[in-house]
PDB file of N, CA and C in Angstrom:
ATOM      1  N   UNK A   1     -17.870 -20.065   5.079  1.00  0.00           N
ATOM      2  CA  UNK A   1     -17.088 -19.710   4.133  1.00  0.00           C
ATOM      3  C   UNK A   1     -16.910 -19.499   2.906  1.00  0.00           C
ATOM      4  N   UNK A   2     -17.120 -18.470   2.709  1.00  0.00           N
ATOM      5  CA  UNK A   2     -16.345 -18.198   1.019  1.00  0.00           C
ATOM      6  C   UNK A   2     -14.460 -17.896   0.567  1.00  0.00           C
ATOM      7  N   UNK A   3     -14.589 -18.846  -0.185  1.00  0.00           N
ATOM      8  CA  UNK A   3     -12.669 -18.842  -1.425  1.00  0.00           C
ATOM      9  C   UNK A   3     -12.902 -17.012  -2.228  1.00  0.00           C
ATOM     10  N   UNK A   4     -11.859 -16.985  -1.134  1.00  0.00           N
ATOM     11  CA  UNK A   4     -11.432 -15.432  -1.947  1.00  0.00           C
ATOM     12  C   UNK A   4      -9.633 -15.768  -2.473  1.00  0.00           C
ATOM     13  N   UNK A   5     -10.266 -15.650  -3.667  1.00  0.00           N
ATOM     14  CA  UNK A   5      -8.558 -15.872  -4.406  1.00  0.00           C
ATOM     15  C   UNK A   5      -8.018 -13.971  -5.354  1.00  0.00           C
ATOM     16  N   UNK A   6      -6.777 -14.372  -5.154  1.00  0.00           N
ATOM     17  CA  UNK A   6      -5.264 -13.134  -5.261  1.00  0.00           C
ATOM     18  C   UNK A   6      -4.672 -13.655  -6.075  1.00  0.00           C
ATOM     19  N   UNK A   7      -4.083 -12.954  -6.765  1.00  0.00           N
ATOM     20  CA  UNK A   7      -3.503 -12.965  -6.892  1.00  0.00           C
ATOM     21  C   UNK A   7      -1.879 -12.285  -6.264  1.00  0.00           C
ATOM     22  N   UNK A   8      -0.938 -12.859  -6.289  1.00  0.00           N
ATOM     23  CA  UNK A   8       0.817 -12.025  -5.469  1.00  0.00           C
ATOM     24  C   UNK A   8       1.751 -12.409  -6.026  1.00  0.00           C
ATOM     25  N   UNK A   9       2.871 -11.762  -5.834  1.00  0.00           N
ATOM     26  CA  UNK A   9       3.774 -11.808  -6.501  1.00  0.00           C
ATOM     27  C   UNK A   9       4.938 -11.474  -6.029  1.00  0.00           C
ATOM     28  N   UNK A  10       6.031 -12.729  -6.038  1.00  0.00           N
ATOM     29  CA  UNK A  10       6.720 -12.353  -5.629  1.00  0.00           C
ATOM     30  C   UNK A  10       7.604 -12.588  -5.931  1.00  0.00           C
ATOM     31  N   UNK A  11       8.960 -11.745  -5.703  1.00  0.00           N
ATOM     32  CA  UNK A  11       9.572 -11.130  -6.166  1.00  0.00           C
ATOM     33  C   UNK A  11      11.788 -12.085  -4.528  1.00  0.00           C
ATOM     34  N   UNK A  12      12.388 -12.226  -5.529  1.00  0.00           N
ATOM     35  CA  UNK A  12      13.813 -11.887  -4.603  1.00  0.00           C
ATOM     36  C   UNK A  12      14.791 -11.077  -4.772  1.00  0.00           C
ATOM     37  N   UNK A  13      15.133 -10.299  -3.743  1.00  0.00           N
ATOM     38  CA  UNK A  13      16.656  -9.379  -3.982  1.00  0.00           C
ATOM     39  C   UNK A  13      17.430  -9.883  -3.515  1.00  0.00           C
ATOM     40  N   UNK A  14      18.668 -10.311  -4.262  1.00  0.00           N
ATOM     41  CA  UNK A  14      20.007 -10.509  -3.997  1.00  0.00           C
ATOM     42  C   UNK A  14      21.261  -9.033  -3.339  1.00  0.00           C
ATOM     43  N   UNK A  15      21.538  -8.982  -3.128  1.00  0.00           N
ATOM     44  CA  UNK A  15      22.451  -7.259  -2.599  1.00  0.00           C
ATOM     45  C   UNK A  15      23.255  -8.040  -1.895  1.00  0.00           C
ATOM     46  N   UNK A  16      24.696  -6.616  -1.960  1.00  0.00           N
ATOM     47  CA  UNK A  16      25.081  -6.826  -1.146  1.00  0.00           C
ATOM     48  C   UNK A  16      25.511  -6.248   0.632  1.00  0.00           C
ATOM     49  N   UNK A  17      24.432  -5.069   0.260  1.00  0.00           N
ATOM     50  CA  UNK A  17      23.986  -4.309   1.173  1.00  0.00           C
ATOM     51  C   UNK A  17      23.436  -4.896   2.541  1.00  0.00           C
ATOM     52  N   UNK A  18      23.074  -4.543   3.874  1.00  0.00           N
ATOM     53  CA  UNK A  18      22.756  -5.378   5.139  1.00  0.00           C
ATOM     54  C   UNK A  18      21.271  -5.750   4.523  1.00  0.00           C
ATOM     55  N   UNK A  19      20.676  -6.042   5.493  1.00  0.00           N
ATOM     56  CA  UNK A  19      18.982  -6.929   5.582  1.00  0.00           C
ATOM     57  C   UNK A  19      18.429  -6.123   5.433  1.00  0.00           C
ATOM     58  N   UNK A  20      18.696  -5.502   6.437  1.00  0.00           N
ATOM     59  CA  UNK A  20      18.361  -4.017   7.018  1.00  0.00           C
ATOM     60  C   UNK A  20      17.870  -2.520   6.109  1.00  0.00           C
ATOM     61  N   UNK A  21      19.222  -2.418   5.441  1.00  0.00           N
ATOM     62  CA  UNK A  21      19.386  -1.564   4.148  1.00  0.00           C
ATOM     63  C   UNK A  21      18.065  -2.160   3.629  1.00  0.00           C
ATOM     64  N   UNK A  22      18.581  -3.273   2.856  1.00  0.00           N
ATOM     65  CA  UNK A  22      17.257  -3.809   1.740  1.00  0.00           C
ATOM     66  C   UNK A  22      16.070  -3.542   1.641  1.00  0.00           C
ATOM     67  N   UNK A  23      15.232  -4.005   3.392  1.00  0.00           N
ATOM     68  CA  UNK A  23      13.777  -3.772   3.709  1.00  0.00           C
ATOM     69  C   UNK A  23      13.665  -2.273   3.695  1.00  0.00           C
ATOM     70  N   UNK A  24      14.568  -1.505   4.494  1.00  0.00           N
ATOM     71  CA  UNK A  24      13.678   0.076   4.124  1.00  0.00           C
ATOM     72  C   UNK A  24      13.205   0.511   2.764  1.00  0.00           C
ATOM     73  N   UNK A  25      14.563  -0.112   2.658  1.00  0.00           N
ATOM     74  CA  UNK A  25      14.704   0.616   1.174  1.00  0.00           C
ATOM     75  C   UNK A  25      13.504  -0.396   0.193  1.00  0.00           C
ATOM     76  N   UNK A  26      12.639  -1.381   0.544  1.00  0.00           N
ATOM     77  CA  UNK A  26      11.444  -1.421   0.032  1.00  0.00           C
ATOM     78  C   UNK A  26      10.056  -1.039   0.149  1.00  0.00           C
ATOM     79  N   UNK A  27      10.287  -0.757   2.285  1.00  0.00           N
ATOM     80  CA  UNK A  27       9.605  -0.110   2.858  1.00  0.00           C
ATOM     81  C   UNK A  27       9.214   1.150   2.422  1.00  0.00           C
ATOM     82  N   UNK A  28      10.771   1.754   2.314  1.00  0.00           N
ATOM     83  CA  UNK A  28       9.907   3.356   1.416  1.00  0.00           C
ATOM     84  C   UNK A  28       9.319   3.447   0.391  1.00  0.00           C
ATOM     85  N   UNK A  29       9.963   2.268  -0.681  1.00  0.00           N
ATOM     86  CA  UNK A  29       8.969   2.643  -1.829  1.00  0.00           C
ATOM     87  C   UNK A  29       7.680   2.264  -2.108  1.00  0.00           C
ATOM     88  N   UNK A  30       6.815   1.498  -0.640  1.00  0.00           N
ATOM     89  CA  UNK A  30       5.510   0.850  -1.167  1.00  0.00           C
ATOM     90  C   UNK A  30       4.807   2.179  -0.066  1.00  0.00           C
ATOM     91  N   UNK A  31       3.736   2.342  -0.641  1.00  0.00           N
ATOM     92  CA  UNK A  31       2.593   3.801   0.424  1.00  0.00           C
ATOM     93  C   UNK A  31       2.569   2.495   1.559  1.00  0.00           C
ATOM     94  N   UNK A  32       2.121   3.181   2.459  1.00  0.00           N
ATOM     95  CA  UNK A  32       0.964   3.138   3.686  1.00  0.00           C
ATOM     96  C   UNK A  32      -0.125   3.065   3.280  1.00  0.00           C
ATOM     97  N   UNK A  33      -0.955   3.337   3.834  1.00  0.00           N
ATOM     98  CA  UNK A  33      -2.239   3.154   3.447  1.00  0.00           C
ATOM     99  C   UNK A  33      -2.662   2.385   4.950  1.00  0.00           C
ATOM    100  N   UNK A  34      -3.186   3.840   6.238  1.00  0.00           N
ATOM    101  CA  UNK A  34      -3.972   3.855   7.019  1.00  0.00           C
ATOM    102  C   UNK A  34      -4.590   3.686   6.892  1.00  0.00           C
ATOM    103  N   UNK A  35      -5.549   2.372   7.242  1.00  0.00           N
ATOM    104  CA  UNK A  35      -7.306   2.093   7.168  1.00  0.00           C
ATOM    105  C   UNK A  35      -8.661   2.796   7.534  1.00  0.00           C
ATOM    106  N   UNK A  36      -7.716   3.954   8.897  1.00  0.00           N
ATOM    107  CA  UNK A  36      -8.318   4.392   9.517  1.00  0.00           C
ATOM    108  C   UNK A  36      -8.678   5.943   9.651  1.00  0.00           C
ATOM    109  N   UNK A  37      -8.262   6.285   8.669  1.00  0.00           N
ATOM    110  CA  UNK A  37      -7.458   7.401   7.872  1.00  0.00           C
ATOM    111  C   UNK A  37      -8.541   6.958   6.459  1.00  0.00           C
ATOM    112  N   UNK A  38      -8.001   6.515   6.111  1.00  0.00           N
ATOM    113  CA  UNK A  38      -8.726   5.377   4.695  1.00  0.00           C
ATOM    114  C   UNK A  38     -10.286   5.367   4.699  1.00  0.00           C
ATOM    115  N   UNK A  39     -10.608   5.245   6.122  1.00  0.00           N
ATOM    116  CA  UNK A  39     -11.670   4.964   6.497  1.00  0.00           C
ATOM    117  C   UNK A  39     -13.166   5.748   6.095  1.00  0.00           C
ATOM    118  N   UNK A  40     -12.043   7.102   7.040  1.00  0.00           N
ATOM    119  CA  UNK A  40     -12.750   8.602   7.259  1.00  0.00           C
ATOM    120  C   UNK A  40     -12.640   9.038   5.816  1.00  0.00           C
ATOM    121  N   UNK A  41     -11.669   8.737   5.226  1.00  0.00           N
ATOM    122  CA  UNK A  41     -11.758  10.224   3.501  1.00  0.00           C
ATOM    123  C   UNK A  41     -12.456   9.412   2.406  1.00  0.00           C
ATOM    124  N   UNK A  42     -12.638   8.076   2.438  1.00  0.00           N
ATOM    125  CA  UNK A  42     -13.613   7.730   1.919  1.00  0.00           C
ATOM    126  C   UNK A  42     -15.239   7.784   2.018  1.00  0.00           C
ATOM    127  N   UNK A  43     -15.651   7.882   3.270  1.00  0.00           N
ATOM    128  CA  UNK A  43     -17.442   8.168   3.586  1.00  0.00           C
ATOM    129  C   UNK A  43     -17.291   9.786   3.355  1.00  0.00           C
ATOM    130  N   UNK A  44     -16.316  10.646   2.997  1.00  0.00           N
ATOM    131  CA  UNK A  44     -16.055  12.462   2.694  1.00  0.00           C
ATOM    132  C   UNK A  44     -16.374  12.323   1.660  1.00  0.00           C
ATOM    133  N   UNK A  45     -15.929  11.311   0.448  1.00  0.00           N
ATOM    134  CA  UNK A  45     -15.761  11.476  -0.708  1.00  0.00           C
ATOM    135  C   UNK A  45     -16.995  11.782  -1.287  1.00  0.00           C
ATOM    136  N   UNK A  46     -17.120  12.536  -2.665  1.00  0.00           N
ATOM    137  CA  UNK A  46     -18.308  12.417  -3.009  1.00  0.00           C
ATOM    138  C   UNK A  46     -18.683  12.337  -4.121  1.00  0.00           C
ATOM    139  N   UNK A  47     -17.521  11.668  -4.535  1.00  0.00           N
ATOM    140  CA  UNK A  47     -17.964  10.961  -6.066  1.00  0.00           C
ATOM    141  C   UNK A  47     -16.900  10.420  -6.272  1.00  0.00           C
ATOM    142  N   UNK A  48     -16.101   8.879  -7.180  1.00  0.00           N
ATOM    143  CA  UNK A  48     -15.528   8.432  -7.640  1.00  0.00           C
ATOM    144  C   UNK A  48     -14.335   8.916  -8.219  1.00  0.00           C
ATOM    145  N   UNK A  49     -14.440  10.303  -8.353  1.00  0.00           N
ATOM    146  CA  UNK A  49     -12.954  11.244  -8.449  1.00  0.00           C
ATOM    147  C   UNK A  49     -12.030  11.223  -7.134  1.00  0.00           C
ATOM    148  N   UNK A  50     -12.789  11.607  -5.899  1.00  0.00           N
ATOM    149  CA  UNK A  50     -12.746  11.703  -5.348  1.00  0.00           C
ATOM    150  C   UNK A  50     -11.616  10.846  -4.218  1.00  0.00           C
ATOM    151  N   UNK A  51     -12.561   9.881  -4.391  1.00  0.00           N
ATOM    152  CA  UNK A  51     -11.994   8.488  -3.798  1.00  0.00           C
ATOM    153  C   UNK A  51     -10.745   7.628  -4.544  1.00  0.00           C
ATOM    154  N   UNK A  52     -10.756   8.497  -6.187  1.00  0.00           N
ATOM    155  CA  UNK A  52      -9.037   8.113  -6.439  1.00  0.00           C
ATOM    156  C   UNK A  52      -8.644   8.406  -6.130  1.00  0.00           C
ATOM    157  N   UNK A  53      -8.650   9.932  -5.896  1.00  0.00           N
ATOM    158  CA  UNK A  53      -7.854  10.260  -4.566  1.00  0.00           C
ATOM    159  C   UNK A  53      -7.353  10.388  -3.279  1.00  0.00           C
ATOM    160  N   UNK A  54      -8.146   9.846  -2.926  1.00  0.00           N
ATOM    161  CA  UNK A  54      -7.498   9.485  -1.660  1.00  0.00           C
ATOM    162  C   UNK A  54      -7.378   8.632  -1.895  1.00  0.00           C
ATOM    163  N   UNK A  55      -7.039   7.193  -2.418  1.00  0.00           N
ATOM    164  CA  UNK A  55      -6.736   5.789  -3.031  1.00  0.00           C
ATOM    165  C   UNK A  55      -5.778   6.234  -3.040  1.00  0.00           C
ATOM    166  N   UNK A  56      -5.314   7.092  -4.097  1.00  0.00           N
ATOM    167  CA  UNK A  56      -3.954   7.051  -4.502  1.00  0.00           C
ATOM    168  C   UNK A  56      -3.118   8.046  -3.474  1.00  0.00           C
ATOM    169  N   UNK A  57      -3.153   8.913  -3.086  1.00  0.00           N
ATOM    170  CA  UNK A  57      -2.684   9.801  -2.508  1.00  0.00           C
ATOM    171  C   UNK A  57      -1.082   8.992  -0.740  1.00  0.00           C
ATOM    172  N   UNK A  58      -1.761   7.824  -0.602  1.00  0.00           N
ATOM    173  CA  UNK A  58      -0.978   7.264  -0.300  1.00  0.00           C
ATOM    174  C   UNK A  58      -0.275   5.669  -0.977  1.00  0.00           C
ATOM    175  N   UNK A  59       0.003   5.879  -2.863  1.00  0.00           N
ATOM    176  CA  UNK A  59       0.578   5.295  -3.157  1.00  0.00           C
ATOM    177  C   UNK A  59       1.911   5.563  -2.834  1.00  0.00           C
ATOM    178  N   UNK A  60       3.470   4.584  -3.173  1.00  0.00           N
ATOM    179  CA  UNK A  60       4.218   4.847  -2.535  1.00  0.00           C
ATOM    180  C   UNK A  60       4.952   4.681  -4.148  1.00  0.00           C
ATOM    181  N   UNK A  61       6.083   5.020  -4.277  1.00  0.00           N
ATOM    182  CA  UNK A  61       6.906   4.671  -5.863  1.00  0.00           C
ATOM    183  C   UNK A  61       6.590   3.850  -6.553  1.00  0.00           C
ATOM    184  N   UNK A  62       6.401   2.664  -6.039  1.00  0.00           N
ATOM    185  CA  UNK A  62       6.141   1.283  -6.459  1.00  0.00           C
ATOM    186  C   UNK A  62       4.217   1.313  -6.888  1.00  0.00           C
ATOM    187  N   UNK A  63       4.008   2.277  -6.757  1.00  0.00           N
ATOM    188  CA  UNK A  63       2.152   2.179  -6.571  1.00  0.00           C
ATOM    189  C   UNK A  63       1.486   1.372  -6.311  1.00  0.00           C
ATOM    190  N   UNK A  64       2.163   0.987  -4.667  1.00  0.00           N
ATOM    191  CA  UNK A  64       1.363  -0.316  -4.783  1.00  0.00           C
ATOM    192  C   UNK A  64       1.008   0.444  -2.625  1.00  0.00           C
ATOM    193  N   UNK A  65       0.895  -0.293  -2.523  1.00  0.00           N
ATOM    194  CA  UNK A  65      -0.109   0.180  -0.974  1.00  0.00           C
ATOM    195  C   UNK A  65       0.387  -1.179   0.152  1.00  0.00           C
ATOM    196  N   UNK A  66       1.255  -0.502   1.252  1.00  0.00           N
ATOM    197  CA  UNK A  66       1.437  -1.757   2.562  1.00  0.00           C
ATOM    198  C   UNK A  66      -0.314  -0.763   3.806  1.00  0.00           C
ATOM    199  N   UNK A  67      -0.669  -1.924   4.180  1.00  0.00           N
ATOM    200  CA  UNK A  67      -2.016  -1.544   4.795  1.00  0.00           C
ATOM    201  C   UNK A  67      -1.305  -1.415   6.125  1.00  0.00           C
ATOM    202  N   UNK A  68      -1.448  -1.106   6.756  1.00  0.00           N
ATOM    203  CA  UNK A  68      -0.883  -0.771   8.466  1.00  0.00           C
ATOM    204  C   UNK A  68      -2.660  -0.111   9.624  1.00  0.00           C
ATOM    205  N   UNK A  69      -2.560  -0.234  10.294  1.00  0.00           N
ATOM    206  CA  UNK A  69      -3.521   0.645  10.857  1.00  0.00           C
ATOM    207  C   UNK A  69      -4.569  -0.635  11.573  1.00  0.00           C
ATOM    208  N   UNK A  70      -5.903  -0.006  12.004  1.00  0.00           N
ATOM    209  CA  UNK A  70      -6.866  -1.463  12.156  1.00  0.00           C
ATOM    210  C   UNK A  70      -8.411  -0.409  13.191  1.00  0.00           C
TER     211      UNK A  70
END
């Protein structure tokens, strides 16, 4: 099995708010990439610019995706 390397950035949040409120706020800031919809839309893209639009449309305010679906 080949080794794949990737970079992860970890951060700590200290807050007086309830844990659930902090997690909810973080989740609201991160986009949600639906893999099934992404696969369909990426097949339909006719060029790289259209593919970039598919990728970018689900970015959250943080400029990131969380992956869900299968």
